[in-house]
């Protein structure tokens, strides 16, 4: 389960950011997760919550921002969300479209509250 390793890395980054704000409390943590990232959102949430249990970060909300796959048509320039693996351009029908995004895995934000 690589979600545990990812949750550990997220937690490490959160601790670094929290250290930049002495006395502050981390209230929210957000991760941007693409549908093609290969990461199970439920497993990642479970792992993060297990790691922060009984720590000063236990009350921090863990949020995942899902990112669907986006492709772009080189012929007509339309960018679109790929649904059900249908990657042909919905505007002109060109079957040769280019991947744009949807494999993200990044720490989106760490929200801290000052005392």
N, C-alpha and C. Protein backbone atom coordinates (compact mmCIF):
# COMPACT_ATOMS: atom_id res chain seq x y z
N UNK A 1 0.85 -1.17 0.00
CA UNK A 1 0.00 0.00 0.00
C UNK A 1 0.90 1.24 0.00
N UNK A 2 1.08 1.84 -1.17
CA UNK A 2 1.95 3.02 -1.26
C UNK A 2 1.28 4.27 -0.71
N UNK A 3 -0.01 4.21 -0.43
CA UNK A 3 -0.70 5.36 0.15
C UNK A 3 -0.13 5.73 1.52
N UNK A 4 0.34 4.73 2.27
CA UNK A 4 0.96 5.01 3.57
C UNK A 4 2.23 5.83 3.40
N UNK A 5 3.04 5.49 2.42
CA UNK A 5 4.26 6.27 2.15
C UNK A 5 3.92 7.69 1.72
N UNK A 6 2.90 7.82 0.90
CA UNK A 6 2.48 9.15 0.43
C UNK A 6 1.95 9.97 1.60
N UNK A 7 1.12 9.35 2.43
CA UNK A 7 0.58 10.05 3.60
C UNK A 7 1.70 10.49 4.53
N UNK A 8 2.72 9.67 4.67
CA UNK A 8 3.87 10.02 5.51
C UNK A 8 4.60 11.23 4.94
N UNK A 9 4.78 11.26 3.63
CA UNK A 9 5.45 12.41 3.00
C UNK A 9 4.61 13.68 3.13
N UNK A 10 3.29 13.55 2.98
CA UNK A 10 2.41 14.70 3.16
C UNK A 10 2.53 15.21 4.59
N UNK A 11 2.50 14.30 5.54
CA UNK A 11 2.61 14.67 6.95
C UNK A 11 3.94 15.36 7.24
N UNK A 12 5.01 14.87 6.65
CA UNK A 12 6.32 15.50 6.83
C UNK A 12 6.30 16.94 6.31
N UNK A 13 5.68 17.16 5.16
CA UNK A 13 5.59 18.51 4.60
C UNK A 13 4.72 19.41 5.47
N UNK A 14 3.65 18.86 6.02
CA UNK A 14 2.78 19.62 6.91
C UNK A 14 3.54 20.04 8.16
N UNK A 15 4.32 19.15 8.71
CA UNK A 15 5.11 19.46 9.91
C UNK A 15 6.13 20.56 9.62
N UNK A 16 6.74 20.52 8.45
CA UNK A 16 7.70 21.56 8.08
C UNK A 16 7.00 22.91 7.99
N UNK A 17 5.84 22.92 7.33
CA UNK A 17 5.10 24.18 7.21
C UNK A 17 4.62 24.67 8.57
N UNK A 18 4.13 23.77 9.41
CA UNK A 18 3.68 24.15 10.75
C UNK A 18 4.84 24.73 11.56
N UNK A 19 6.04 24.20 11.36
CA UNK A 19 7.21 24.70 12.06
C UNK A 19 7.56 26.14 11.70
N UNK A 20 7.10 26.60 10.55
CA UNK A 20 7.34 27.98 10.13
C UNK A 20 6.41 28.97 10.82
N UNK A 21 5.45 28.43 11.57
CA UNK A 21 4.45 29.27 12.25
C UNK A 21 4.37 28.83 13.71
N UNK A 22 5.37 29.19 14.53
CA UNK A 22 5.40 28.75 15.92
C UNK A 22 4.10 29.10 16.66
N UNK A 23 3.57 28.13 17.38
CA UNK A 23 2.37 28.33 18.17
C UNK A 23 1.07 28.20 17.38
N UNK A 24 1.16 28.12 16.06
CA UNK A 24 -0.04 28.00 15.24
C UNK A 24 -0.54 26.55 15.24
N UNK A 25 -1.83 26.42 14.96
CA UNK A 25 -2.45 25.10 14.89
C UNK A 25 -2.83 24.82 13.44
N UNK A 26 -2.48 23.63 12.93
CA UNK A 26 -2.87 23.25 11.58
C UNK A 26 -4.34 22.86 11.62
N UNK A 27 -5.16 23.55 10.81
CA UNK A 27 -6.59 23.27 10.81
C UNK A 27 -7.05 22.47 9.60
N UNK A 28 -6.36 22.64 8.47
CA UNK A 28 -6.75 21.92 7.26
C UNK A 28 -5.52 21.59 6.42
N UNK A 29 -5.60 20.43 5.77
CA UNK A 29 -4.55 20.00 4.85
C UNK A 29 -5.26 19.56 3.58
N UNK A 30 -4.79 20.06 2.45
CA UNK A 30 -5.41 19.71 1.17
C UNK A 30 -4.42 19.09 0.21
N UNK A 31 -4.87 18.05 -0.47
CA UNK A 31 -4.06 17.36 -1.46
C UNK A 31 -4.81 17.38 -2.79
N UNK A 32 -4.11 17.66 -3.87
CA UNK A 32 -4.68 17.62 -5.22
C UNK A 32 -4.32 16.25 -5.80
N UNK A 33 -5.35 15.50 -6.21
CA UNK A 33 -5.15 14.11 -6.63
C UNK A 33 -5.82 13.85 -7.97
N UNK A 34 -5.02 13.56 -8.98
CA UNK A 34 -5.54 13.27 -10.31
C UNK A 34 -6.09 11.86 -10.38
N UNK A 35 -7.11 11.69 -11.20
CA UNK A 35 -7.73 10.37 -11.36
C UNK A 35 -6.75 9.33 -11.90
N UNK A 36 -5.71 9.77 -12.60
CA UNK A 36 -4.72 8.84 -13.16
C UNK A 36 -3.45 8.74 -12.32
N UNK A 37 -3.50 9.25 -11.09
CA UNK A 37 -2.31 9.24 -10.23
C UNK A 37 -1.98 7.85 -9.71
N UNK A 38 -2.95 6.96 -9.72
CA UNK A 38 -2.72 5.62 -9.19
C UNK A 38 -2.85 5.55 -7.69
N UNK A 39 -3.38 6.61 -7.08
CA UNK A 39 -3.52 6.67 -5.63
C UNK A 39 -5.00 6.53 -5.27
N UNK A 40 -5.29 5.67 -4.33
CA UNK A 40 -6.66 5.48 -3.85
C UNK A 40 -6.95 6.55 -2.80
N UNK A 41 -7.92 7.42 -3.09
CA UNK A 41 -8.22 8.55 -2.21
C UNK A 41 -8.67 8.09 -0.83
N UNK A 42 -9.49 7.05 -0.76
CA UNK A 42 -9.96 6.57 0.53
C UNK A 42 -8.82 6.00 1.36
N UNK A 43 -7.92 5.26 0.71
CA UNK A 43 -6.78 4.68 1.42
C UNK A 43 -5.84 5.78 1.90
N UNK A 44 -5.64 6.81 1.08
CA UNK A 44 -4.78 7.92 1.47
C UNK A 44 -5.37 8.65 2.68
N UNK A 45 -6.67 8.89 2.66
CA UNK A 45 -7.33 9.53 3.79
C UNK A 45 -7.19 8.68 5.05
N UNK A 46 -7.43 7.40 4.93
CA UNK A 46 -7.31 6.49 6.07
C UNK A 46 -5.90 6.53 6.65
N UNK A 47 -4.90 6.46 5.77
CA UNK A 47 -3.51 6.46 6.23
C UNK A 47 -3.14 7.77 6.92
N UNK A 48 -3.54 8.89 6.33
CA UNK A 48 -3.23 10.18 6.94
C UNK A 48 -3.87 10.27 8.32
N UNK A 49 -5.13 9.91 8.41
CA UNK A 49 -5.84 9.99 9.69
C UNK A 49 -5.23 9.04 10.73
N UNK A 50 -4.75 7.89 10.29
CA UNK A 50 -4.10 6.96 11.22
C UNK A 50 -2.77 7.53 11.73
N UNK A 51 -2.05 8.21 10.85
CA UNK A 51 -0.75 8.77 11.24
C UNK A 51 -0.88 9.94 12.22
N UNK A 52 -1.96 10.73 12.09
CA UNK A 52 -2.09 11.90 12.96
C UNK A 52 -2.89 11.61 14.23
N UNK A 53 -3.47 10.42 14.31
CA UNK A 53 -4.27 10.06 15.49
C UNK A 53 -3.42 10.21 16.75
N UNK A 54 -4.00 10.83 17.76
CA UNK A 54 -3.35 11.04 19.05
C UNK A 54 -2.10 11.92 18.94
N UNK A 55 -2.09 12.83 17.94
CA UNK A 55 -1.02 13.83 17.83
C UNK A 55 -1.67 15.21 17.86
N UNK A 56 -0.85 16.25 17.84
CA UNK A 56 -1.41 17.60 17.82
C UNK A 56 -2.05 17.93 16.47
N UNK A 57 -1.90 17.07 15.48
CA UNK A 57 -2.52 17.27 14.17
C UNK A 57 -3.82 16.48 14.00
N UNK A 58 -4.26 15.82 15.05
CA UNK A 58 -5.44 14.95 14.96
C UNK A 58 -6.71 15.70 14.58
N UNK A 59 -6.79 16.97 14.91
CA UNK A 59 -8.00 17.74 14.60
C UNK A 59 -7.96 18.39 13.21
N UNK A 60 -6.86 18.28 12.52
CA UNK A 60 -6.74 18.88 11.19
C UNK A 60 -7.62 18.12 10.19
N UNK A 61 -8.40 18.85 9.43
CA UNK A 61 -9.22 18.25 8.38
C UNK A 61 -8.33 17.90 7.20
N UNK A 62 -8.54 16.71 6.64
CA UNK A 62 -7.78 16.26 5.48
C UNK A 62 -8.72 16.27 4.28
N UNK A 63 -8.39 17.08 3.27
CA UNK A 63 -9.26 17.24 2.12
C UNK A 63 -8.53 16.83 0.84
N UNK A 64 -9.26 16.17 -0.03
CA UNK A 64 -8.71 15.77 -1.32
C UNK A 64 -9.49 16.45 -2.43
N UNK A 65 -8.75 17.16 -3.27
CA UNK A 65 -9.34 17.80 -4.44
C UNK A 65 -9.08 16.88 -5.64
N UNK A 66 -10.13 16.28 -6.15
CA UNK A 66 -10.00 15.34 -7.26
C UNK A 66 -9.83 16.11 -8.58
N UNK A 67 -8.96 15.60 -9.43
CA UNK A 67 -8.70 16.19 -10.74
C UNK A 67 -8.93 15.13 -11.82
N UNK A 68 -9.94 15.34 -12.67
CA UNK A 68 -10.18 14.39 -13.76
C UNK A 68 -9.13 14.55 -14.86
N UNK A 69 -9.08 13.56 -15.74
CA UNK A 69 -8.16 13.63 -16.88
C UNK A 69 -8.66 14.67 -17.88
N UNK A 70 -7.74 15.52 -18.32
CA UNK A 70 -8.03 16.51 -19.35
C UNK A 70 -7.14 16.21 -20.56
N UNK A 71 -7.73 16.27 -21.73
CA UNK A 71 -6.99 16.15 -22.98
C UNK A 71 -7.24 17.40 -23.81
N UNK A 72 -6.39 17.59 -24.83
CA UNK A 72 -6.53 18.73 -25.74
C UNK A 72 -6.40 18.23 -27.17
N UNK A 73 -7.23 18.78 -28.02
CA UNK A 73 -7.21 18.41 -29.43
C UNK A 73 -6.23 19.31 -30.17
N UNK A 74 -5.21 18.73 -30.81
CA UNK A 74 -4.26 19.55 -31.55
C UNK A 74 -4.87 20.13 -32.83
N UNK A 75 -5.94 19.54 -33.30
CA UNK A 75 -6.57 20.02 -34.54
C UNK A 75 -7.41 21.27 -34.32
N UNK A 76 -8.31 21.23 -33.31
CA UNK A 76 -9.21 22.38 -33.11
C UNK A 76 -8.89 23.17 -31.84
N UNK A 77 -8.01 22.63 -30.96
CA UNK A 77 -7.59 23.35 -29.77
C UNK A 77 -8.49 23.19 -28.55
N UNK A 78 -9.57 22.41 -28.69
CA UNK A 78 -10.49 22.24 -27.57
C UNK A 78 -9.85 21.40 -26.48
N UNK A 79 -9.95 21.89 -25.23
CA UNK A 79 -9.53 21.12 -24.06
C UNK A 79 -10.79 20.59 -23.40
N UNK A 80 -10.76 19.31 -22.98
CA UNK A 80 -11.97 18.68 -22.47
C UNK A 80 -11.63 17.62 -21.42
N UNK A 81 -12.64 17.28 -20.62
CA UNK A 81 -12.52 16.23 -19.62
C UNK A 81 -12.79 14.89 -20.30
N UNK A 82 -11.91 13.94 -20.07
CA UNK A 82 -12.08 12.59 -20.61
C UNK A 82 -13.04 11.83 -19.70
N UNK A 83 -14.11 11.31 -20.29
CA UNK A 83 -15.11 10.56 -19.54
C UNK A 83 -15.17 9.14 -20.11
N UNK A 84 -15.13 8.15 -19.22
CA UNK A 84 -15.20 6.74 -19.62
C UNK A 84 -14.13 6.38 -20.66
N UNK A 85 -12.95 6.94 -20.50
CA UNK A 85 -11.79 6.65 -21.35
C UNK A 85 -11.99 7.06 -22.81
N UNK A 86 -13.00 7.88 -23.08
CA UNK A 86 -13.26 8.36 -24.45
C UNK A 86 -12.42 9.61 -24.68
N UNK A 87 -11.33 9.44 -25.42
CA UNK A 87 -10.38 10.54 -25.58
C UNK A 87 -10.48 11.24 -26.93
N UNK A 88 -11.43 10.86 -27.76
CA UNK A 88 -11.63 11.58 -29.02
C UNK A 88 -12.20 12.96 -28.72
N UNK A 89 -11.85 13.92 -29.55
CA UNK A 89 -12.30 15.30 -29.34
C UNK A 89 -13.82 15.39 -29.50
N UNK A 90 -14.50 15.93 -28.48
CA UNK A 90 -15.96 16.06 -28.58
C UNK A 90 -16.40 17.16 -29.56
N UNK A 91 -15.48 18.04 -29.93
CA UNK A 91 -15.84 19.15 -30.82
C UNK A 91 -15.71 18.76 -32.29
N UNK A 92 -14.57 18.16 -32.65
CA UNK A 92 -14.33 17.85 -34.07
C UNK A 92 -14.25 16.36 -34.37
N UNK A 93 -14.20 15.53 -33.31
CA UNK A 93 -14.16 14.08 -33.51
C UNK A 93 -12.79 13.50 -33.75
N UNK A 94 -11.75 14.32 -33.76
CA UNK A 94 -10.39 13.81 -33.99
C UNK A 94 -10.02 12.82 -32.88
N UNK A 95 -9.62 11.60 -33.26
CA UNK A 95 -9.27 10.60 -32.25
C UNK A 95 -7.89 10.79 -31.64
N UNK A 96 -7.06 11.63 -32.22
CA UNK A 96 -5.69 11.84 -31.77
C UNK A 96 -5.59 13.08 -30.88
N UNK A 97 -5.95 12.95 -29.62
CA UNK A 97 -5.85 14.07 -28.69
C UNK A 97 -4.65 13.87 -27.77
N UNK A 98 -4.25 14.95 -27.09
CA UNK A 98 -3.06 14.93 -26.25
C UNK A 98 -3.43 15.06 -24.78
N UNK A 99 -2.77 14.28 -23.96
CA UNK A 99 -2.96 14.35 -22.51
C UNK A 99 -2.49 15.70 -21.99
N UNK A 100 -3.29 16.34 -21.12
CA UNK A 100 -2.92 17.62 -20.54
C UNK A 100 -2.71 17.50 -19.04
N UNK A 101 -3.66 16.88 -18.34
CA UNK A 101 -3.54 16.74 -16.89
C UNK A 101 -4.46 15.64 -16.39
N UNK A 102 -4.25 15.30 -15.12
CA UNK A 102 -5.06 14.26 -14.49
C UNK A 102 -4.23 13.25 -13.73
N UNK A 103 -2.92 13.44 -13.71
CA UNK A 103 -2.06 12.52 -12.96
C UNK A 103 -1.39 13.22 -11.77
N UNK A 104 -1.96 14.35 -11.36
CA UNK A 104 -1.37 15.13 -10.27
C UNK A 104 -1.41 14.39 -8.94
N UNK A 105 -0.42 14.67 -8.15
CA UNK A 105 -0.37 14.27 -6.75
C UNK A 105 0.49 15.31 -6.07
N UNK A 106 -0.18 16.27 -5.42
CA UNK A 106 0.57 17.36 -4.82
C UNK A 106 -0.13 17.91 -3.59
N UNK A 107 0.67 18.43 -2.71
CA UNK A 107 0.14 19.10 -1.54
C UNK A 107 -0.40 20.44 -2.01
N UNK A 108 -1.70 20.65 -1.88
CA UNK A 108 -2.34 21.86 -2.39
C UNK A 108 -2.28 23.00 -1.38
N UNK A 109 -2.51 22.69 -0.10
CA UNK A 109 -2.47 23.74 0.90
C UNK A 109 -2.34 23.16 2.30
N UNK A 110 -1.81 23.99 3.19
CA UNK A 110 -1.79 23.73 4.63
C UNK A 110 -2.32 25.00 5.27
N UNK A 111 -3.44 24.88 5.93
CA UNK A 111 -4.06 26.04 6.57
C UNK A 111 -3.73 26.01 8.06
N UNK A 112 -3.19 27.12 8.55
CA UNK A 112 -2.84 27.21 9.97
C UNK A 112 -3.61 28.36 10.60
N UNK A 113 -3.90 28.21 11.87
CA UNK A 113 -4.58 29.26 12.64
C UNK A 113 -3.64 29.74 13.72
N UNK A 114 -3.43 31.03 13.75
CA UNK A 114 -2.57 31.62 14.77
C UNK A 114 -3.35 31.71 16.09
N UNK A 115 -2.65 31.56 17.21
CA UNK A 115 -3.33 31.63 18.51
C UNK A 115 -3.77 33.05 18.84
